[in-house]
Structure formats: structure tokens, C-alpha cells
């Protein structure tokens, strides 16, 4: 059972011609340990509140959308600390999979 207590969100629209490829790579990578659903154009990843010894108030969620020339990444988190940790994880993994383009321009915009 997942627990989601969303209080903070942030979105980044990443310019890339390979959004669908990176979406699928991220989702396949995280599907080994996390709850993941994805298609060529959309994906979601649930990061459990207690993953890797953490104790966040609720689960975090990453939503991915591959558009024409972009990959949109939206994080929904239960605290500011969890949001920042997930931003870092997404950027590190994106840069690993997009090594030919890395570093990608990931400009997070926190929602108010």
C-alpha cells in the first residue's frame, strides 16, 4: 500500500529530442525496485516514504511526459527535503542516461 501526502511540487521541462527514450530508460531502471507504470509518452514512479532508510511523511511521485522536443518531469513530494532529494536523483539519472547530451538543462520550477 502506498502513502501519498503531497504538499510540495516542482516541474522541469527538459529540452531534448530523446524524451521518450529517456522516459523509458528511467522507468525501466526504477522498475526493478519501485512501483512504476509507463508507456512511450508517459510514466510515473512512486518513491516510498521509507526508501533507503528515509522517514518522509509520505511517498514521493515522479510524473514524466515526453513531448515534441521535451521531457517534462514533475515531482510531488511530502516535504521540502524529499523534494530536493528527488530532484537530485532525477537529474543524476537523466545525465547518466543522456550522457551524449549531458548535462541536460533541467530548470526546476517549484509550484506555490
PDB file of N, CA and C in Angstrom:
ATOM      1  N   UNK A   1       0.838  -1.179   0.000  1.00  0.00           N
ATOM      2  CA  UNK A   1       0.000   0.000   0.000  1.00  0.00           C
ATOM      3  C   UNK A   1       0.881   1.239   0.000  1.00  0.00           C
ATOM      4  N   UNK A   2       0.594   2.196  -0.865  1.00  0.00           N
ATOM      5  CA  UNK A   2       1.392   3.407  -0.920  1.00  0.00           C
ATOM      6  C   UNK A   2       0.703   4.516  -0.144  1.00  0.00           C
ATOM      7  N   UNK A   3       1.517   5.372   0.426  1.00  0.00           N
ATOM      8  CA  UNK A   3       1.025   6.519   1.159  1.00  0.00           C
ATOM      9  C   UNK A   3       1.472   7.756   0.415  1.00  0.00           C
ATOM     10  N   UNK A   4       0.538   8.590   0.030  1.00  0.00           N
ATOM     11  CA  UNK A   4       0.897   9.818  -0.666  1.00  0.00           C
ATOM     12  C   UNK A   4       0.313  10.999   0.081  1.00  0.00           C
ATOM     13  N   UNK A   5       1.168  11.853   0.590  1.00  0.00           N
ATOM     14  CA  UNK A   5       0.786  13.074   1.260  1.00  0.00           C
ATOM     15  C   UNK A   5       1.497  14.196   0.531  1.00  0.00           C
ATOM     16  N   UNK A   6       0.929  14.656  -0.555  1.00  0.00           N
ATOM     17  CA  UNK A   6       1.598  15.655  -1.379  1.00  0.00           C
ATOM     18  C   UNK A   6       1.423  17.035  -0.783  1.00  0.00           C
ATOM     19  N   UNK A   7       2.540  17.708  -0.557  1.00  0.00           N
ATOM     20  CA  UNK A   7       2.491  19.072  -0.069  1.00  0.00           C
ATOM     21  C   UNK A   7       3.325  20.019  -0.926  1.00  0.00           C
ATOM     22  N   UNK A   8       4.328  19.499  -1.600  1.00  0.00           N
ATOM     23  CA  UNK A   8       5.201  20.350  -2.413  1.00  0.00           C
ATOM     24  C   UNK A   8       5.428  19.700  -3.772  1.00  0.00           C
ATOM     25  N   UNK A   9       5.495  20.531  -4.810  1.00  0.00           N
ATOM     26  CA  UNK A   9       5.697  20.021  -6.165  1.00  0.00           C
ATOM     27  C   UNK A   9       6.674  20.902  -6.917  1.00  0.00           C
ATOM     28  N   UNK A  10       7.297  20.322  -7.914  1.00  0.00           N
ATOM     29  CA  UNK A  10       8.206  21.052  -8.783  1.00  0.00           C
ATOM     30  C   UNK A  10       8.170  20.416 -10.159  1.00  0.00           C
ATOM     31  N   UNK A  11       8.315  21.250 -11.191  1.00  0.00           N
ATOM     32  CA  UNK A  11       8.255  20.778 -12.570  1.00  0.00           C
ATOM     33  C   UNK A  11       9.445  21.320 -13.348  1.00  0.00           C
ATOM     34  N   UNK A  12      10.001  20.472 -14.201  1.00  0.00           N
ATOM     35  CA  UNK A  12      11.066  20.895 -15.114  1.00  0.00           C
ATOM     36  C   UNK A  12      10.705  20.418 -16.514  1.00  0.00           C
ATOM     37  N   UNK A  13      10.831  21.313 -17.481  1.00  0.00           N
ATOM     38  CA  UNK A  13      10.651  20.962 -18.884  1.00  0.00           C
ATOM     39  C   UNK A  13      12.053  20.914 -19.486  1.00  0.00           C
ATOM     40  N   UNK A  14      12.508  19.709 -19.784  1.00  0.00           N
ATOM     41  CA  UNK A  14      13.884  19.476 -20.223  1.00  0.00           C
ATOM     42  C   UNK A  14      13.917  19.416 -21.749  1.00  0.00           C
ATOM     43  N   UNK A  15      14.662  20.324 -22.382  1.00  0.00           N
ATOM     44  CA  UNK A  15      14.762  20.266 -23.840  1.00  0.00           C
ATOM     45  C   UNK A  15      15.637  19.085 -24.282  1.00  0.00           C
ATOM     46  N   UNK A  16      15.050  18.183 -25.065  1.00  0.00           N
ATOM     47  CA  UNK A  16      15.781  17.045 -25.611  1.00  0.00           C
ATOM     48  C   UNK A  16      14.963  16.424 -26.737  1.00  0.00           C
ATOM     49  N   UNK A  17      15.638  15.961 -27.745  1.00  0.00           N
ATOM     50  CA  UNK A  17      14.973  15.257 -28.839  1.00  0.00           C
ATOM     51  C   UNK A  17      14.714  13.793 -28.490  1.00  0.00           C
ATOM     52  N   UNK A  18      15.179  13.359 -27.322  1.00  0.00           N
ATOM     53  CA  UNK A  18      15.103  11.945 -26.938  1.00  0.00           C
ATOM     54  C   UNK A  18      14.266  11.735 -25.678  1.00  0.00           C
ATOM     55  N   UNK A  19      13.247  12.546 -25.484  1.00  0.00           N
ATOM     56  CA  UNK A  19      12.434  12.477 -24.278  1.00  0.00           C
ATOM     57  C   UNK A  19      11.825  11.111 -24.036  1.00  0.00           C
ATOM     58  N   UNK A  20      11.273  10.502 -25.076  1.00  0.00           N
ATOM     59  CA  UNK A  20      10.647   9.190 -24.922  1.00  0.00           C
ATOM     60  C   UNK A  20      11.675   8.136 -24.525  1.00  0.00           C
ATOM     61  N   UNK A  21      12.833   8.180 -25.133  1.00  0.00           N
ATOM     62  CA  UNK A  21      13.891   7.216 -24.806  1.00  0.00           C
ATOM     63  C   UNK A  21      14.298   7.344 -23.338  1.00  0.00           C
ATOM     64  N   UNK A  22      14.535   8.580 -22.889  1.00  0.00           N
ATOM     65  CA  UNK A  22      14.969   8.779 -21.513  1.00  0.00           C
ATOM     66  C   UNK A  22      13.865   8.414 -20.525  1.00  0.00           C
ATOM     67  N   UNK A  23      12.611   8.731 -20.862  1.00  0.00           N
ATOM     68  CA  UNK A  23      11.486   8.348 -20.016  1.00  0.00           C
ATOM     69  C   UNK A  23      11.479   6.843 -19.816  1.00  0.00           C
ATOM     70  N   UNK A  24      11.594   6.104 -20.906  1.00  0.00           N
ATOM     71  CA  UNK A  24      11.555   4.643 -20.820  1.00  0.00           C
ATOM     72  C   UNK A  24      12.759   4.088 -20.069  1.00  0.00           C
ATOM     73  N   UNK A  25      13.932   4.674 -20.282  1.00  0.00           N
ATOM     74  CA  UNK A  25      15.123   4.205 -19.566  1.00  0.00           C
ATOM     75  C   UNK A  25      14.976   4.437 -18.065  1.00  0.00           C
ATOM     76  N   UNK A  26      14.521   5.634 -17.685  1.00  0.00           N
ATOM     77  CA  UNK A  26      14.327   5.927 -16.265  1.00  0.00           C
ATOM     78  C   UNK A  26      13.337   4.950 -15.644  1.00  0.00           C
ATOM     79  N   UNK A  27      12.216   4.762 -16.318  1.00  0.00           N
ATOM     80  CA  UNK A  27      11.177   3.890 -15.771  1.00  0.00           C
ATOM     81  C   UNK A  27      11.639   2.437 -15.693  1.00  0.00           C
ATOM     82  N   UNK A  28      12.308   1.947 -16.714  1.00  0.00           N
ATOM     83  CA  UNK A  28      12.809   0.570 -16.676  1.00  0.00           C
ATOM     84  C   UNK A  28      13.833   0.406 -15.553  1.00  0.00           C
ATOM     85  N   UNK A  29      14.703   1.383 -15.403  1.00  0.00           N
ATOM     86  CA  UNK A  29      15.717   1.337 -14.355  1.00  0.00           C
ATOM     87  C   UNK A  29      15.078   1.263 -12.973  1.00  0.00           C
ATOM     88  N   UNK A  30      14.115   2.146 -12.717  1.00  0.00           N
ATOM     89  CA  UNK A  30      13.499   2.196 -11.392  1.00  0.00           C
ATOM     90  C   UNK A  30      12.480   1.093 -11.174  1.00  0.00           C
ATOM     91  N   UNK A  31      12.024   0.423 -12.242  1.00  0.00           N
ATOM     92  CA  UNK A  31      11.016  -0.629 -12.079  1.00  0.00           C
ATOM     93  C   UNK A  31      11.555  -1.854 -11.343  1.00  0.00           C
ATOM     94  N   UNK A  32      12.866  -1.958 -11.211  1.00  0.00           N
ATOM     95  CA  UNK A  32      13.461  -3.092 -10.502  1.00  0.00           C
ATOM     96  C   UNK A  32      13.198  -3.012  -8.998  1.00  0.00           C
ATOM     97  N   UNK A  33      13.046  -1.779  -8.465  1.00  0.00           N
ATOM     98  CA  UNK A  33      12.896  -1.616  -7.022  1.00  0.00           C
ATOM     99  C   UNK A  33      11.654  -0.830  -6.616  1.00  0.00           C
ATOM    100  N   UNK A  34      11.023  -0.133  -7.562  1.00  0.00           N
ATOM    101  CA  UNK A  34       9.940   0.780  -7.229  1.00  0.00           C
ATOM    102  C   UNK A  34       8.686   0.455  -8.026  1.00  0.00           C
ATOM    103  N   UNK A  35       7.576   1.044  -7.627  1.00  0.00           N
ATOM    104  CA  UNK A  35       6.332   0.898  -8.371  1.00  0.00           C
ATOM    105  C   UNK A  35       6.355   1.873  -9.541  1.00  0.00           C
ATOM    106  N   UNK A  36       6.287   1.324 -10.755  1.00  0.00           N
ATOM    107  CA  UNK A  36       6.443   2.122 -11.970  1.00  0.00           C
ATOM    108  C   UNK A  36       5.380   1.724 -12.984  1.00  0.00           C
ATOM    109  N   UNK A  37       4.849   2.710 -13.671  1.00  0.00           N
ATOM    110  CA  UNK A  37       3.978   2.493 -14.821  1.00  0.00           C
ATOM    111  C   UNK A  37       4.460   3.419 -15.922  1.00  0.00           C
ATOM    112  N   UNK A  38       4.495   2.897 -17.174  1.00  0.00           N
ATOM    113  CA  UNK A  38       4.931   3.784 -18.244  1.00  0.00           C
ATOM    114  C   UNK A  38       4.521   3.268 -19.611  1.00  0.00           C
ATOM    115  N   UNK A  39       4.463   4.223 -20.528  1.00  0.00           N
ATOM    116  CA  UNK A  39       4.277   3.966 -21.954  1.00  0.00           C
ATOM    117  C   UNK A  39       5.383   4.739 -22.662  1.00  0.00           C
ATOM    118  N   UNK A  40       5.299   4.840 -23.964  1.00  0.00           N
ATOM    119  CA  UNK A  40       6.321   5.607 -24.695  1.00  0.00           C
ATOM    120  C   UNK A  40       6.311   7.088 -24.324  1.00  0.00           C
ATOM    121  N   UNK A  41       5.120   7.601 -23.954  1.00  0.00           N
ATOM    122  CA  UNK A  41       4.971   9.042 -23.768  1.00  0.00           C
ATOM    123  C   UNK A  41       4.729   9.503 -22.337  1.00  0.00           C
ATOM    124  N   UNK A  42       4.364   8.586 -21.442  1.00  0.00           N
ATOM    125  CA  UNK A  42       4.073   8.979 -20.072  1.00  0.00           C
ATOM    126  C   UNK A  42       4.573   7.924 -19.097  1.00  0.00           C
ATOM    127  N   UNK A  43       4.955   8.395 -17.927  1.00  0.00           N
ATOM    128  CA  UNK A  43       5.391   7.458 -16.899  1.00  0.00           C
ATOM    129  C   UNK A  43       5.171   8.011 -15.511  1.00  0.00           C
ATOM    130  N   UNK A  44       5.109   7.108 -14.543  1.00  0.00           N
ATOM    131  CA  UNK A  44       5.034   7.515 -13.142  1.00  0.00           C
ATOM    132  C   UNK A  44       5.870   6.547 -12.307  1.00  0.00           C
ATOM    133  N   UNK A  45       6.534   7.111 -11.311  1.00  0.00           N
ATOM    134  CA  UNK A  45       7.388   6.340 -10.412  1.00  0.00           C
ATOM    135  C   UNK A  45       7.032   6.756  -8.990  1.00  0.00           C
ATOM    136  N   UNK A  46       6.769   5.775  -8.129  1.00  0.00           N
ATOM    137  CA  UNK A  46       6.488   6.040  -6.720  1.00  0.00           C
ATOM    138  C   UNK A  46       7.750   5.761  -5.915  1.00  0.00           C
ATOM    139  N   UNK A  47       8.184   6.747  -5.144  1.00  0.00           N
ATOM    140  CA  UNK A  47       9.332   6.605  -4.250  1.00  0.00           C
ATOM    141  C   UNK A  47       8.785   6.470  -2.828  1.00  0.00           C
ATOM    142  N   UNK A  48       8.870   5.269  -2.245  1.00  0.00           N
ATOM    143  CA  UNK A  48       8.294   5.046  -0.915  1.00  0.00           C
ATOM    144  C   UNK A  48       8.901   5.971   0.135  1.00  0.00           C
ATOM    145  N   UNK A  49       8.073   6.342   1.073  1.00  0.00           N
ATOM    146  CA  UNK A  49       8.484   7.282   2.115  1.00  0.00           C
ATOM    147  C   UNK A  49       9.643   6.768   2.941  1.00  0.00           C
ATOM    148  N   UNK A  50       9.808   5.433   3.001  1.00  0.00           N
ATOM    149  CA  UNK A  50      10.863   4.853   3.830  1.00  0.00           C
ATOM    150  C   UNK A  50      11.989   4.230   2.998  1.00  0.00           C
ATOM    151  N   UNK A  51      12.070   4.592   1.713  1.00  0.00           N
ATOM    152  CA  UNK A  51      13.119   4.025   0.842  1.00  0.00           C
ATOM    153  C   UNK A  51      14.506   4.434   1.327  1.00  0.00           C
ATOM    154  N   UNK A  52      15.406   3.476   1.292  1.00  0.00           N
ATOM    155  CA  UNK A  52      16.813   3.703   1.671  1.00  0.00           C
ATOM    156  C   UNK A  52      16.970   4.311   3.057  1.00  0.00           C
ATOM    157  N   UNK A  53      16.112   3.878   3.962  1.00  0.00           N
ATOM    158  CA  UNK A  53      16.220   4.332   5.350  1.00  0.00           C
ATOM    159  C   UNK A  53      15.625   5.698   5.632  1.00  0.00           C
ATOM    160  N   UNK A  54      14.967   6.304   4.650  1.00  0.00           N
ATOM    161  CA  UNK A  54      14.357   7.619   4.857  1.00  0.00           C
ATOM    162  C   UNK A  54      13.120   7.499   5.738  1.00  0.00           C
ATOM    163  N   UNK A  55      12.632   8.630   6.196  1.00  0.00           N
ATOM    164  CA  UNK A  55      11.420   8.652   7.012  1.00  0.00           C
ATOM    165  C   UNK A  55      10.588   9.882   6.630  1.00  0.00           C
ATOM    166  N   UNK A  56      10.263   9.994   5.337  1.00  0.00           N
ATOM    167  CA  UNK A  56       9.471  11.134   4.860  1.00  0.00           C
ATOM    168  C   UNK A  56       8.031  10.960   5.318  1.00  0.00           C
ATOM    169  N   UNK A  57       7.264  12.038   5.394  1.00  0.00           N
ATOM    170  CA  UNK A  57       5.858  11.932   5.813  1.00  0.00           C
ATOM    171  C   UNK A  57       5.002  11.079   4.874  1.00  0.00           C
ATOM    172  N   UNK A  58       5.323  11.060   3.585  1.00  0.00           N
ATOM    173  CA  UNK A  58       4.551  10.282   2.616  1.00  0.00           C
ATOM    174  C   UNK A  58       5.416   9.900   1.433  1.00  0.00           C
ATOM    175  N   UNK A  59       4.849   9.119   0.536  1.00  0.00           N
ATOM    176  CA  UNK A  59       5.558   8.715  -0.673  1.00  0.00           C
ATOM    177  C   UNK A  59       5.766   9.924  -1.589  1.00  0.00           C
ATOM    178  N   UNK A  60       6.803   9.868  -2.398  1.00  0.00           N
ATOM    179  CA  UNK A  60       7.025  10.858  -3.436  1.00  0.00           C
ATOM    180  C   UNK A  60       6.642  10.247  -4.770  1.00  0.00           C
ATOM    181  N   UNK A  61       6.332  11.096  -5.727  1.00  0.00           N
ATOM    182  CA  UNK A  61       5.947  10.596  -7.047  1.00  0.00           C
ATOM    183  C   UNK A  61       6.593  11.450  -8.125  1.00  0.00           C
ATOM    184  N   UNK A  62       7.104  10.775  -9.143  1.00  0.00           N
ATOM    185  CA  UNK A  62       7.655  11.425 -10.329  1.00  0.00           C
ATOM    186  C   UNK A  62       6.727  11.124 -11.485  1.00  0.00           C
ATOM    187  N   UNK A  63       6.280  12.159 -12.170  1.00  0.00           N
ATOM    188  CA  UNK A  63       5.463  12.023 -13.364  1.00  0.00           C
ATOM    189  C   UNK A  63       6.284  12.504 -14.551  1.00  0.00           C
ATOM    190  N   UNK A  64       6.325  11.706 -15.605  1.00  0.00           N
ATOM    191  CA  UNK A  64       7.116  12.017 -16.790  1.00  0.00           C
ATOM    192  C   UNK A  64       6.206  12.106 -18.005  1.00  0.00           C
ATOM    193  N   UNK A  65       6.494  13.069 -18.875  1.00  0.00           N
ATOM    194  CA  UNK A  65       5.710  13.242 -20.093  1.00  0.00           C
ATOM    195  C   UNK A  65       6.674  13.619 -21.211  1.00  0.00           C
ATOM    196  N   UNK A  66       6.783  12.746 -22.208  1.00  0.00           N
ATOM    197  CA  UNK A  66       7.658  13.011 -23.353  1.00  0.00           C
ATOM    198  C   UNK A  66       6.856  13.735 -24.422  1.00  0.00           C
ATOM    199  N   UNK A  67       7.263  14.945 -24.735  1.00  0.00           N
ATOM    200  CA  UNK A  67       6.598  15.737 -25.756  1.00  0.00           C
ATOM    201  C   UNK A  67       7.486  15.892 -26.966  1.00  0.00           C
ATOM    202  N   UNK A  68       7.092  16.760 -27.840  1.00  0.00           N
ATOM    203  CA  UNK A  68       7.858  17.036 -29.048  1.00  0.00           C
ATOM    204  C   UNK A  68       9.054  17.915 -28.688  1.00  0.00           C
ATOM    205  N   UNK A  69      10.220  17.306 -28.529  1.00  0.00           N
ATOM    206  CA  UNK A  69      11.435  18.047 -28.199  1.00  0.00           C
ATOM    207  C   UNK A  69      11.630  18.326 -26.726  1.00  0.00           C
ATOM    208  N   UNK A  70      10.823  17.690 -25.860  1.00  0.00           N
ATOM    209  CA  UNK A  70      10.962  17.922 -24.419  1.00  0.00           C
ATOM    210  C   UNK A  70      10.668  16.659 -23.624  1.00  0.00           C
ATOM    211  N   UNK A  71      11.147  16.668 -22.407  1.00  0.00           N
ATOM    212  CA  UNK A  71      10.753  15.689 -21.403  1.00  0.00           C
ATOM    213  C   UNK A  71      10.343  16.499 -20.179  1.00  0.00           C
ATOM    214  N   UNK A  72       9.067  16.413 -19.811  1.00  0.00           N
ATOM    215  CA  UNK A  72       8.580  17.128 -18.644  1.00  0.00           C
ATOM    216  C   UNK A  72       8.623  16.195 -17.447  1.00  0.00           C
ATOM    217  N   UNK A  73       9.249  16.681 -16.379  1.00  0.00           N
ATOM    218  CA  UNK A  73       9.390  15.924 -15.138  1.00  0.00           C
ATOM    219  C   UNK A  73       8.673  16.700 -14.043  1.00  0.00           C
ATOM    220  N   UNK A  74       7.741  16.065 -13.376  1.00  0.00           N
ATOM    221  CA  UNK A  74       7.017  16.697 -12.264  1.00  0.00           C
ATOM    222  C   UNK A  74       7.176  15.814 -11.036  1.00  0.00           C
ATOM    223  N   UNK A  75       7.638  16.421  -9.965  1.00  0.00           N
ATOM    224  CA  UNK A  75       7.810  15.704  -8.708  1.00  0.00           C
ATOM    225  C   UNK A  75       6.760  16.192  -7.729  1.00  0.00           C
ATOM    226  N   UNK A  76       6.103  15.247  -7.074  1.00  0.00           N
ATOM    227  CA  UNK A  76       5.169  15.523  -5.994  1.00  0.00           C
ATOM    228  C   UNK A  76       5.757  14.885  -4.739  1.00  0.00           C
ATOM    229  N   UNK A  77       6.013  15.694  -3.735  1.00  0.00           N
ATOM    230  CA  UNK A  77       6.704  15.207  -2.535  1.00  0.00           C
ATOM    231  C   UNK A  77       5.950  15.610  -1.277  1.00  0.00           C
ATOM    232  N   UNK A  78       6.292  14.969  -0.191  1.00  0.00           N
ATOM    233  CA  UNK A  78       5.612  15.220   1.084  1.00  0.00           C
ATOM    234  C   UNK A  78       6.347  16.226   1.968  1.00  0.00           C
ATOM    235  N   UNK A  79       7.539  16.661   1.536  1.00  0.00           N
ATOM    236  CA  UNK A  79       8.288  17.665   2.306  1.00  0.00           C
ATOM    237  C   UNK A  79       9.326  18.310   1.396  1.00  0.00           C
ATOM    238  N   UNK A  80       9.827  19.457   1.820  1.00  0.00           N
ATOM    239  CA  UNK A  80      10.857  20.156   1.041  1.00  0.00           C
ATOM    240  C   UNK A  80      12.116  19.300   0.899  1.00  0.00           C
ATOM    241  N   UNK A  81      12.501  18.610   1.961  1.00  0.00           N
ATOM    242  CA  UNK A  81      13.693  17.766   1.913  1.00  0.00           C
ATOM    243  C   UNK A  81      13.545  16.628   0.925  1.00  0.00           C
ATOM    244  N   UNK A  82      12.387  16.002   0.919  1.00  0.00           N
ATOM    245  CA  UNK A  82      12.128  14.917  -0.030  1.00  0.00           C
ATOM    246  C   UNK A  82      12.130  15.454  -1.458  1.00  0.00           C
ATOM    247  N   UNK A  83      11.536  16.624  -1.665  1.00  0.00           N
ATOM    248  CA  UNK A  83      11.508  17.238  -2.992  1.00  0.00           C
ATOM    249  C   UNK A  83      12.929  17.459  -3.505  1.00  0.00           C
ATOM    250  N   UNK A  84      13.786  18.025  -2.684  1.00  0.00           N
ATOM    251  CA  UNK A  84      15.167  18.296  -3.103  1.00  0.00           C
ATOM    252  C   UNK A  84      15.926  17.002  -3.374  1.00  0.00           C
ATOM    253  N   UNK A  85      15.709  15.986  -2.537  1.00  0.00           N
ATOM    254  CA  UNK A  85      16.381  14.700  -2.746  1.00  0.00           C
ATOM    255  C   UNK A  85      15.944  14.070  -4.064  1.00  0.00           C
ATOM    256  N   UNK A  86      14.658  14.134  -4.375  1.00  0.00           N
ATOM    257  CA  UNK A  86      14.158  13.546  -5.617  1.00  0.00           C
ATOM    258  C   UNK A  86      14.623  14.338  -6.835  1.00  0.00           C
ATOM    259  N   UNK A  87      14.700  15.657  -6.725  1.00  0.00           N
ATOM    260  CA  UNK A  87      15.247  16.467  -7.831  1.00  0.00           C
ATOM    261  C   UNK A  87      16.660  15.982  -8.164  1.00  0.00           C
ATOM    262  N   UNK A  88      17.477  15.814  -7.145  1.00  0.00           N
ATOM    263  CA  UNK A  88      18.849  15.358  -7.354  1.00  0.00           C
ATOM    264  C   UNK A  88      18.910  13.985  -7.987  1.00  0.00           C
ATOM    265  N   UNK A  89      18.062  13.068  -7.525  1.00  0.00           N
ATOM    266  CA  UNK A  89      18.052  11.709  -8.084  1.00  0.00           C
ATOM    267  C   UNK A  89      17.647  11.726  -9.550  1.00  0.00           C
ATOM    268  N   UNK A  90      16.637  12.517  -9.892  1.00  0.00           N
ATOM    269  CA  UNK A  90      16.187  12.593 -11.283  1.00  0.00           C
ATOM    270  C   UNK A  90      17.288  13.153 -12.173  1.00  0.00           C
ATOM    271  N   UNK A  91      17.921  14.231 -11.764  1.00  0.00           N
ATOM    272  CA  UNK A  91      18.972  14.849 -12.580  1.00  0.00           C
ATOM    273  C   UNK A  91      20.155  13.904 -12.745  1.00  0.00           C
ATOM    274  N   UNK A  92      20.583  13.255 -11.675  1.00  0.00           N
ATOM    275  CA  UNK A  92      21.717  12.325 -11.773  1.00  0.00           C
ATOM    276  C   UNK A  92      21.415  11.193 -12.747  1.00  0.00           C
ATOM    277  N   UNK A  93      20.230  10.633 -12.655  1.00  0.00           N
ATOM    278  CA  UNK A  93      19.875   9.524 -13.539  1.00  0.00           C
ATOM    279  C   UNK A  93      19.677   9.994 -14.978  1.00  0.00           C
ATOM    280  N   UNK A  94      19.055  11.132 -15.163  1.00  0.00           N
ATOM    281  CA  UNK A  94      18.898  11.670 -16.525  1.00  0.00           C
ATOM    282  C   UNK A  94      20.256  11.887 -17.178  1.00  0.00           C
ATOM    283  N   UNK A  95      21.173  12.505 -16.448  1.00  0.00           N
ATOM    284  CA  UNK A  95      22.506  12.756 -17.013  1.00  0.00           C
ATOM    285  C   UNK A  95      23.242  11.458 -17.320  1.00  0.00           C
ATOM    286  N   UNK A  96      23.014  10.435 -16.523  1.00  0.00           N
ATOM    287  CA  UNK A  96      23.649   9.143 -16.782  1.00  0.00           C
ATOM    288  C   UNK A  96      23.113   8.541 -18.091  1.00  0.00           C
ATOM    289  N   UNK A  97      21.800   8.588 -18.274  1.00  0.00           N
ATOM    290  CA  UNK A  97      21.210   8.006 -19.474  1.00  0.00           C
ATOM    291  C   UNK A  97      21.397   8.888 -20.700  1.00  0.00           C
ATOM    292  N   UNK A  98      21.540  10.185 -20.493  1.00  0.00           N
ATOM    293  CA  UNK A  98      21.699  11.132 -21.604  1.00  0.00           C
ATOM    294  C   UNK A  98      23.156  11.566 -21.723  1.00  0.00           C
ATOM    295  N   UNK A  99      24.077  10.636 -21.513  1.00  0.00           N
ATOM    296  CA  UNK A  99      25.492  11.002 -21.440  1.00  0.00           C
ATOM    297  C   UNK A  99      25.993  11.714 -22.691  1.00  0.00           C
ATOM    298  N   UNK A 100      25.394  11.447 -23.840  1.00  0.00           N
ATOM    299  CA  UNK A 100      25.826  12.132 -25.065  1.00  0.00           C
ATOM    300  C   UNK A 100      25.408  13.602 -25.073  1.00  0.00           C
ATOM    301  N   UNK A 101      24.343  13.917 -24.351  1.00  0.00           N
ATOM    302  CA  UNK A 101      23.832  15.290 -24.268  1.00  0.00           C
ATOM    303  C   UNK A 101      24.163  15.953 -22.936  1.00  0.00           C
ATOM    304  N   UNK A 102      24.596  15.178 -21.973  1.00  0.00           N
ATOM    305  CA  UNK A 102      24.761  15.672 -20.604  1.00  0.00           C
ATOM    306  C   UNK A 102      25.800  16.781 -20.520  1.00  0.00           C
ATOM    307  N   UNK A 103      25.624  17.690 -19.599  1.00  0.00           N
ATOM    308  CA  UNK A 103      24.468  17.737 -18.711  1.00  0.00           C
ATOM    309  C   UNK A 103      23.279  18.389 -19.416  1.00  0.00           C
ATOM    310  N   UNK A 104      22.114  17.800 -19.209  1.00  0.00           N
ATOM    311  CA  UNK A 104      20.889  18.375 -19.747  1.00  0.00           C
ATOM    312  C   UNK A 104      20.524  19.619 -18.938  1.00  0.00           C
ATOM    313  N   UNK A 105      19.798  20.516 -19.569  1.00  0.00           N
ATOM    314  CA  UNK A 105      19.333  21.719 -18.876  1.00  0.00           C
ATOM    315  C   UNK A 105      18.033  21.376 -18.154  1.00  0.00           C
ATOM    316  N   UNK A 106      18.130  21.207 -16.833  1.00  0.00           N
ATOM    317  CA  UNK A 106      16.970  20.870 -16.008  1.00  0.00           C
ATOM    318  C   UNK A 106      16.731  22.051 -15.077  1.00  0.00           C
ATOM    319  N   UNK A 107      15.720  22.834 -15.372  1.00  0.00           N
ATOM    320  CA  UNK A 107      15.401  24.041 -14.613  1.00  0.00           C
ATOM    321  C   UNK A 107      14.110  23.783 -13.826  1.00  0.00           C
ATOM    322  N   UNK A 108      14.279  23.372 -12.572  1.00  0.00           N
ATOM    323  CA  UNK A 108      13.125  23.057 -11.725  1.00  0.00           C
ATOM    324  C   UNK A 108      12.383  24.339 -11.363  1.00  0.00           C
ATOM    325  N   UNK A 109      11.065  24.285 -11.458  1.00  0.00           N
ATOM    326  CA  UNK A 109      10.193  25.393 -11.068  1.00  0.00           C
ATOM    327  C   UNK A 109       9.263  24.883  -9.972  1.00  0.00           C
ATOM    328  N   UNK A 110       9.520  25.336  -8.738  1.00  0.00           N
ATOM    329  CA  UNK A 110       8.695  24.907  -7.625  1.00  0.00           C
ATOM    330  C   UNK A 110       7.334  25.585  -7.702  1.00  0.00           C
ATOM    331  N   UNK A 111       6.289  24.805  -7.501  1.00  0.00           N
ATOM    332  CA  UNK A 111       4.933  25.339  -7.511  1.00  0.00           C
ATOM    333  C   UNK A 111       4.633  25.945  -6.147  1.00  0.00           C
ATOM    334  N   UNK A 112       3.858  27.006  -6.148  1.00  0.00           N
ATOM    335  CA  UNK A 112       3.495  27.653  -4.879  1.00  0.00           C
ATOM    336  C   UNK A 112       2.041  27.443  -4.570  1.00  0.00           C
TER     337      UNK A 112
END
